[in-house]
Amino acid sequence: MSRRGANLGIIAVGKSSTIESLKSLGIDTCTVKSLDEETSLKVCEKIFSANVVIIEEDLYNSLKPKISVIASGMKNPPIFIIVPGPEAKETSRLKDLYAVLSKAVGVKLRWVK
């Protein structure tokens, strides 16, 4: 048994109601209406009690500073699956991936669209 309980430890976090549909797959959900300081602490607590976190991109970007600080001190932080919200027309994840890959290989890669 893992430190996080007997279940798979998957949680979906987002602002849209589409997150609730993941309950039918047995995934715990956390719908966030507004993100004040108190709410962000509660959300981070739920996030770091899971093994896998499915989180909407806009919410992830809002919580990223807190998530980075907490995760850097953990031996086994959760795996984050960042998905665009239903109203998003495009994602910035490709830019993030480009930056990570460029850093990993030690040179700035050429990005052709």
N, C-alpha and C. Protein backbone atom coordinates (compact mmCIF):
# COMPACT_ATOMS: atom_id res chain seq x y z
N MET A 1 0.85 -1.18 0.00
CA MET A 1 0.00 0.00 0.00
C MET A 1 0.89 1.24 0.00
N SER A 2 0.55 2.23 -0.79
CA SER A 2 1.34 3.45 -0.87
C SER A 2 1.01 4.36 0.30
N ARG A 3 1.80 5.39 0.45
CA ARG A 3 1.58 6.36 1.52
C ARG A 3 0.31 7.16 1.31
N ARG A 4 -0.27 7.07 0.13
CA ARG A 4 -1.45 7.87 -0.18
C ARG A 4 -2.72 7.05 -0.19
N GLY A 5 -2.70 5.86 0.34
CA GLY A 5 -3.92 5.08 0.44
C GLY A 5 -3.99 3.96 -0.58
N ALA A 6 -5.10 3.24 -0.52
CA ALA A 6 -5.26 2.06 -1.36
C ALA A 6 -5.74 2.39 -2.77
N ASN A 7 -6.38 3.56 -2.97
CA ASN A 7 -6.87 3.89 -4.30
C ASN A 7 -5.71 4.32 -5.20
N LEU A 8 -6.01 4.59 -6.44
CA LEU A 8 -4.96 4.96 -7.39
C LEU A 8 -4.38 6.34 -7.12
N GLY A 9 -5.08 7.17 -6.38
CA GLY A 9 -4.56 8.48 -6.05
C GLY A 9 -4.59 9.44 -7.22
N ILE A 10 -5.65 9.40 -8.00
CA ILE A 10 -5.80 10.31 -9.14
C ILE A 10 -6.84 11.36 -8.77
N ILE A 11 -6.52 12.62 -9.02
CA ILE A 11 -7.46 13.70 -8.79
C ILE A 11 -7.47 14.61 -10.01
N ALA A 12 -8.65 15.10 -10.35
CA ALA A 12 -8.80 16.06 -11.45
C ALA A 12 -9.20 17.39 -10.84
N VAL A 13 -8.50 18.45 -11.21
CA VAL A 13 -8.73 19.77 -10.65
C VAL A 13 -8.96 20.76 -11.78
N GLY A 14 -10.00 21.56 -11.67
CA GLY A 14 -10.27 22.56 -12.69
C GLY A 14 -11.38 23.50 -12.32
N LYS A 15 -11.56 24.50 -13.16
CA LYS A 15 -12.61 25.50 -12.95
C LYS A 15 -13.89 25.16 -13.69
N SER A 16 -13.79 24.32 -14.71
CA SER A 16 -14.97 24.03 -15.53
C SER A 16 -15.72 22.82 -14.98
N SER A 17 -16.97 22.73 -15.36
CA SER A 17 -17.80 21.61 -14.90
C SER A 17 -17.46 20.31 -15.62
N THR A 18 -16.68 20.38 -16.68
CA THR A 18 -16.30 19.15 -17.39
C THR A 18 -15.41 18.25 -16.54
N ILE A 19 -14.76 18.82 -15.56
CA ILE A 19 -13.94 18.03 -14.63
C ILE A 19 -14.81 17.02 -13.90
N GLU A 20 -16.04 17.41 -13.59
CA GLU A 20 -16.95 16.53 -12.85
C GLU A 20 -17.25 15.24 -13.61
N SER A 21 -17.17 15.26 -14.93
CA SER A 21 -17.45 14.06 -15.71
C SER A 21 -16.44 12.95 -15.46
N LEU A 22 -15.27 13.30 -14.94
CA LEU A 22 -14.25 12.29 -14.66
C LEU A 22 -14.59 11.43 -13.44
N LYS A 23 -15.60 11.85 -12.69
CA LYS A 23 -16.05 11.04 -11.55
C LYS A 23 -16.54 9.68 -12.02
N SER A 24 -17.12 9.63 -13.22
CA SER A 24 -17.64 8.36 -13.74
C SER A 24 -16.52 7.34 -13.99
N LEU A 25 -15.28 7.81 -14.06
CA LEU A 25 -14.13 6.92 -14.24
C LEU A 25 -13.48 6.57 -12.90
N GLY A 26 -14.09 7.03 -11.82
CA GLY A 26 -13.54 6.74 -10.49
C GLY A 26 -12.46 7.69 -10.04
N ILE A 27 -12.36 8.83 -10.70
CA ILE A 27 -11.35 9.82 -10.37
C ILE A 27 -11.95 10.84 -9.40
N ASP A 28 -11.21 11.15 -8.33
CA ASP A 28 -11.64 12.20 -7.43
C ASP A 28 -11.57 13.53 -8.17
N THR A 29 -12.51 14.42 -7.91
CA THR A 29 -12.52 15.71 -8.60
C THR A 29 -12.55 16.85 -7.59
N CYS A 30 -12.05 17.98 -8.03
CA CYS A 30 -12.05 19.20 -7.23
C CYS A 30 -12.34 20.36 -8.19
N THR A 31 -13.55 20.90 -8.10
CA THR A 31 -13.91 22.03 -8.94
C THR A 31 -13.65 23.31 -8.17
N VAL A 32 -12.92 24.23 -8.77
CA VAL A 32 -12.53 25.48 -8.13
C VAL A 32 -13.30 26.61 -8.78
N LYS A 33 -14.12 27.29 -8.01
CA LYS A 33 -14.90 28.41 -8.55
C LYS A 33 -14.06 29.68 -8.61
N SER A 34 -13.41 30.02 -7.49
CA SER A 34 -12.54 31.19 -7.45
C SER A 34 -11.28 30.81 -6.70
N LEU A 35 -10.19 31.47 -6.99
CA LEU A 35 -8.90 31.08 -6.43
C LEU A 35 -8.35 32.18 -5.54
N ASP A 36 -8.78 32.19 -4.28
CA ASP A 36 -8.19 33.10 -3.31
C ASP A 36 -7.11 32.33 -2.55
N GLU A 37 -6.47 32.98 -1.59
CA GLU A 37 -5.35 32.36 -0.87
C GLU A 37 -5.77 31.10 -0.13
N GLU A 38 -6.91 31.16 0.54
CA GLU A 38 -7.39 30.01 1.31
C GLU A 38 -7.72 28.83 0.39
N THR A 39 -8.40 29.14 -0.71
CA THR A 39 -8.77 28.09 -1.66
C THR A 39 -7.53 27.47 -2.29
N SER A 40 -6.55 28.30 -2.64
CA SER A 40 -5.34 27.76 -3.28
C SER A 40 -4.58 26.83 -2.34
N LEU A 41 -4.58 27.12 -1.04
CA LEU A 41 -3.93 26.23 -0.08
C LEU A 41 -4.66 24.89 0.02
N LYS A 42 -6.01 24.94 0.01
CA LYS A 42 -6.79 23.71 0.07
C LYS A 42 -6.58 22.87 -1.19
N VAL A 43 -6.53 23.54 -2.34
CA VAL A 43 -6.32 22.83 -3.61
C VAL A 43 -4.93 22.19 -3.62
N CYS A 44 -3.91 22.93 -3.17
CA CYS A 44 -2.55 22.37 -3.12
C CYS A 44 -2.49 21.16 -2.18
N GLU A 45 -3.21 21.23 -1.07
CA GLU A 45 -3.25 20.10 -0.14
C GLU A 45 -3.84 18.86 -0.82
N LYS A 46 -4.92 19.05 -1.58
CA LYS A 46 -5.53 17.93 -2.30
C LYS A 46 -4.60 17.41 -3.39
N ILE A 47 -3.96 18.34 -4.10
CA ILE A 47 -3.05 17.96 -5.18
C ILE A 47 -1.94 17.07 -4.66
N PHE A 48 -1.33 17.46 -3.55
CA PHE A 48 -0.17 16.73 -3.06
C PHE A 48 -0.52 15.51 -2.21
N SER A 49 -1.82 15.21 -2.11
CA SER A 49 -2.22 13.95 -1.48
C SER A 49 -2.48 12.89 -2.54
N ALA A 50 -2.30 13.25 -3.80
CA ALA A 50 -2.56 12.33 -4.92
C ALA A 50 -1.26 11.87 -5.56
N ASN A 51 -1.34 10.80 -6.32
CA ASN A 51 -0.20 10.31 -7.10
C ASN A 51 -0.17 10.93 -8.49
N VAL A 52 -1.36 11.16 -9.05
CA VAL A 52 -1.50 11.73 -10.39
C VAL A 52 -2.52 12.86 -10.32
N VAL A 53 -2.19 14.00 -10.94
CA VAL A 53 -3.06 15.17 -10.93
C VAL A 53 -3.38 15.56 -12.36
N ILE A 54 -4.66 15.56 -12.70
CA ILE A 54 -5.13 16.09 -13.98
C ILE A 54 -5.62 17.50 -13.66
N ILE A 55 -5.00 18.50 -14.26
CA ILE A 55 -5.32 19.88 -13.89
C ILE A 55 -5.44 20.74 -15.14
N GLU A 56 -6.42 21.64 -15.13
CA GLU A 56 -6.60 22.56 -16.26
C GLU A 56 -5.45 23.56 -16.28
N GLU A 57 -5.04 23.90 -17.49
CA GLU A 57 -3.85 24.71 -17.69
C GLU A 57 -3.91 26.08 -17.01
N ASP A 58 -5.04 26.77 -17.11
CA ASP A 58 -5.12 28.10 -16.50
C ASP A 58 -5.00 28.02 -14.98
N LEU A 59 -5.56 27.00 -14.38
CA LEU A 59 -5.45 26.81 -12.93
C LEU A 59 -4.02 26.42 -12.56
N TYR A 60 -3.41 25.57 -13.37
CA TYR A 60 -2.02 25.18 -13.13
C TYR A 60 -1.11 26.40 -13.18
N ASN A 61 -1.31 27.27 -14.16
CA ASN A 61 -0.48 28.47 -14.27
C ASN A 61 -0.64 29.37 -13.06
N SER A 62 -1.85 29.43 -12.50
CA SER A 62 -2.09 30.24 -11.31
C SER A 62 -1.41 29.65 -10.07
N LEU A 63 -1.38 28.34 -9.99
CA LEU A 63 -0.82 27.65 -8.82
C LEU A 63 0.65 27.26 -8.99
N LYS A 64 1.21 27.47 -10.17
CA LYS A 64 2.56 26.98 -10.48
C LYS A 64 3.63 27.42 -9.48
N PRO A 65 3.65 28.68 -9.02
CA PRO A 65 4.68 29.04 -8.03
C PRO A 65 4.60 28.21 -6.75
N LYS A 66 3.39 28.00 -6.24
CA LYS A 66 3.22 27.20 -5.02
C LYS A 66 3.55 25.74 -5.29
N ILE A 67 3.08 25.23 -6.42
CA ILE A 67 3.33 23.83 -6.76
C ILE A 67 4.84 23.58 -6.88
N SER A 68 5.56 24.49 -7.52
CA SER A 68 7.00 24.31 -7.71
C SER A 68 7.75 24.26 -6.39
N VAL A 69 7.38 25.15 -5.47
CA VAL A 69 8.04 25.19 -4.16
C VAL A 69 7.79 23.91 -3.38
N ILE A 70 6.54 23.48 -3.34
CA ILE A 70 6.19 22.28 -2.58
C ILE A 70 6.81 21.03 -3.22
N ALA A 71 6.69 20.92 -4.53
CA ALA A 71 7.19 19.72 -5.23
C ALA A 71 8.71 19.60 -5.15
N SER A 72 9.41 20.72 -5.10
CA SER A 72 10.88 20.66 -5.05
C SER A 72 11.38 20.03 -3.76
N GLY A 73 10.57 20.08 -2.70
CA GLY A 73 10.97 19.48 -1.44
C GLY A 73 10.48 18.06 -1.24
N MET A 74 9.79 17.51 -2.24
CA MET A 74 9.24 16.16 -2.11
C MET A 74 10.14 15.13 -2.79
N LYS A 75 10.23 13.96 -2.19
CA LYS A 75 11.00 12.87 -2.81
C LYS A 75 10.27 12.33 -4.03
N ASN A 76 8.95 12.13 -3.91
CA ASN A 76 8.14 11.60 -5.00
C ASN A 76 6.92 12.49 -5.23
N PRO A 77 7.10 13.60 -5.93
CA PRO A 77 5.95 14.47 -6.18
C PRO A 77 4.97 13.80 -7.14
N PRO A 78 3.73 14.27 -7.16
CA PRO A 78 2.75 13.67 -8.07
C PRO A 78 3.10 13.97 -9.53
N ILE A 79 2.55 13.15 -10.41
CA ILE A 79 2.68 13.37 -11.85
C ILE A 79 1.56 14.32 -12.26
N PHE A 80 1.90 15.37 -13.00
CA PHE A 80 0.91 16.35 -13.44
C PHE A 80 0.58 16.13 -14.91
N ILE A 81 -0.71 16.05 -15.18
CA ILE A 81 -1.21 15.99 -16.55
C ILE A 81 -1.97 17.29 -16.76
N ILE A 82 -1.40 18.18 -17.55
CA ILE A 82 -1.97 19.51 -17.72
C ILE A 82 -2.78 19.52 -19.00
N VAL A 83 -4.06 19.83 -18.87
CA VAL A 83 -4.98 19.82 -20.01
C VAL A 83 -5.54 21.22 -20.21
N PRO A 84 -5.79 21.61 -21.45
CA PRO A 84 -6.42 22.91 -21.68
C PRO A 84 -7.86 22.89 -21.20
N GLY A 85 -8.34 24.04 -20.74
CA GLY A 85 -9.74 24.16 -20.34
C GLY A 85 -10.63 24.13 -21.57
N PRO A 86 -11.92 23.95 -21.38
CA PRO A 86 -12.83 23.85 -22.53
C PRO A 86 -12.93 25.15 -23.35
N GLU A 87 -12.63 26.28 -22.73
CA GLU A 87 -12.73 27.55 -23.46
C GLU A 87 -11.40 27.95 -24.11
N ALA A 88 -10.33 27.21 -23.85
CA ALA A 88 -9.02 27.55 -24.40
C ALA A 88 -8.94 27.19 -25.88
N LYS A 89 -8.45 28.13 -26.67
CA LYS A 89 -8.30 27.89 -28.10
C LYS A 89 -6.94 27.27 -28.43
N GLU A 90 -5.95 27.54 -27.59
CA GLU A 90 -4.63 26.94 -27.77
C GLU A 90 -3.96 26.81 -26.41
N THR A 91 -2.86 26.10 -26.40
CA THR A 91 -2.15 25.84 -25.15
C THR A 91 -0.73 26.40 -25.21
N SER A 92 -0.20 26.72 -24.06
CA SER A 92 1.19 27.20 -24.00
C SER A 92 2.14 26.09 -23.61
N ARG A 93 1.64 24.88 -23.49
CA ARG A 93 2.47 23.75 -23.05
C ARG A 93 3.60 23.44 -24.04
N LEU A 94 3.39 23.69 -25.33
CA LEU A 94 4.46 23.44 -26.30
C LEU A 94 5.65 24.35 -26.04
N LYS A 95 5.39 25.60 -25.64
CA LYS A 95 6.48 26.52 -25.32
C LYS A 95 7.24 26.02 -24.09
N ASP A 96 6.52 25.52 -23.10
CA ASP A 96 7.16 24.98 -21.90
C ASP A 96 8.00 23.76 -22.24
N LEU A 97 7.46 22.87 -23.06
CA LEU A 97 8.18 21.67 -23.48
C LEU A 97 9.43 22.03 -24.27
N TYR A 98 9.32 23.02 -25.15
CA TYR A 98 10.45 23.51 -25.92
C TYR A 98 11.56 24.01 -24.99
N ALA A 99 11.18 24.76 -23.96
CA ALA A 99 12.16 25.29 -23.01
C ALA A 99 12.84 24.16 -22.23
N VAL A 100 12.08 23.18 -21.80
CA VAL A 100 12.64 22.05 -21.04
C VAL A 100 13.59 21.24 -21.92
N LEU A 101 13.19 20.97 -23.15
CA LEU A 101 14.05 20.20 -24.06
C LEU A 101 15.32 20.96 -24.40
N SER A 102 15.21 22.26 -24.63
CA SER A 102 16.39 23.07 -24.92
C SER A 102 17.37 23.04 -23.76
N LYS A 103 16.84 23.14 -22.54
CA LYS A 103 17.69 23.09 -21.35
C LYS A 103 18.34 21.72 -21.21
N ALA A 104 17.59 20.67 -21.50
CA ALA A 104 18.11 19.30 -21.34
C ALA A 104 19.27 19.02 -22.29
N VAL A 105 19.19 19.51 -23.52
CA VAL A 105 20.26 19.23 -24.48
C VAL A 105 21.36 20.29 -24.43
N GLY A 106 21.12 21.39 -23.74
CA GLY A 106 22.16 22.40 -23.56
C GLY A 106 22.27 23.43 -24.66
N VAL A 107 21.39 23.39 -25.63
CA VAL A 107 21.38 24.40 -26.70
C VAL A 107 19.94 24.82 -26.96
N LYS A 108 19.79 26.01 -27.47
CA LYS A 108 18.45 26.47 -27.81
C LYS A 108 18.04 25.83 -29.13
N LEU A 109 17.02 25.01 -29.06
CA LEU A 109 16.54 24.31 -30.25
C LEU A 109 15.79 25.25 -31.17
N ARG A 110 15.82 24.95 -32.45
CA ARG A 110 15.07 25.73 -33.43
C ARG A 110 13.64 25.21 -33.44
N TRP A 111 12.70 26.12 -33.37
CA TRP A 111 11.29 25.75 -33.33
C TRP A 111 10.63 26.22 -34.62
N VAL A 112 10.24 25.27 -35.45
CA VAL A 112 9.58 25.58 -36.71
C VAL A 112 8.11 25.25 -36.56
N LYS A 113 7.26 26.24 -36.82
CA LYS A 113 5.81 26.02 -36.72
C LYS A 113 5.25 25.54 -38.02
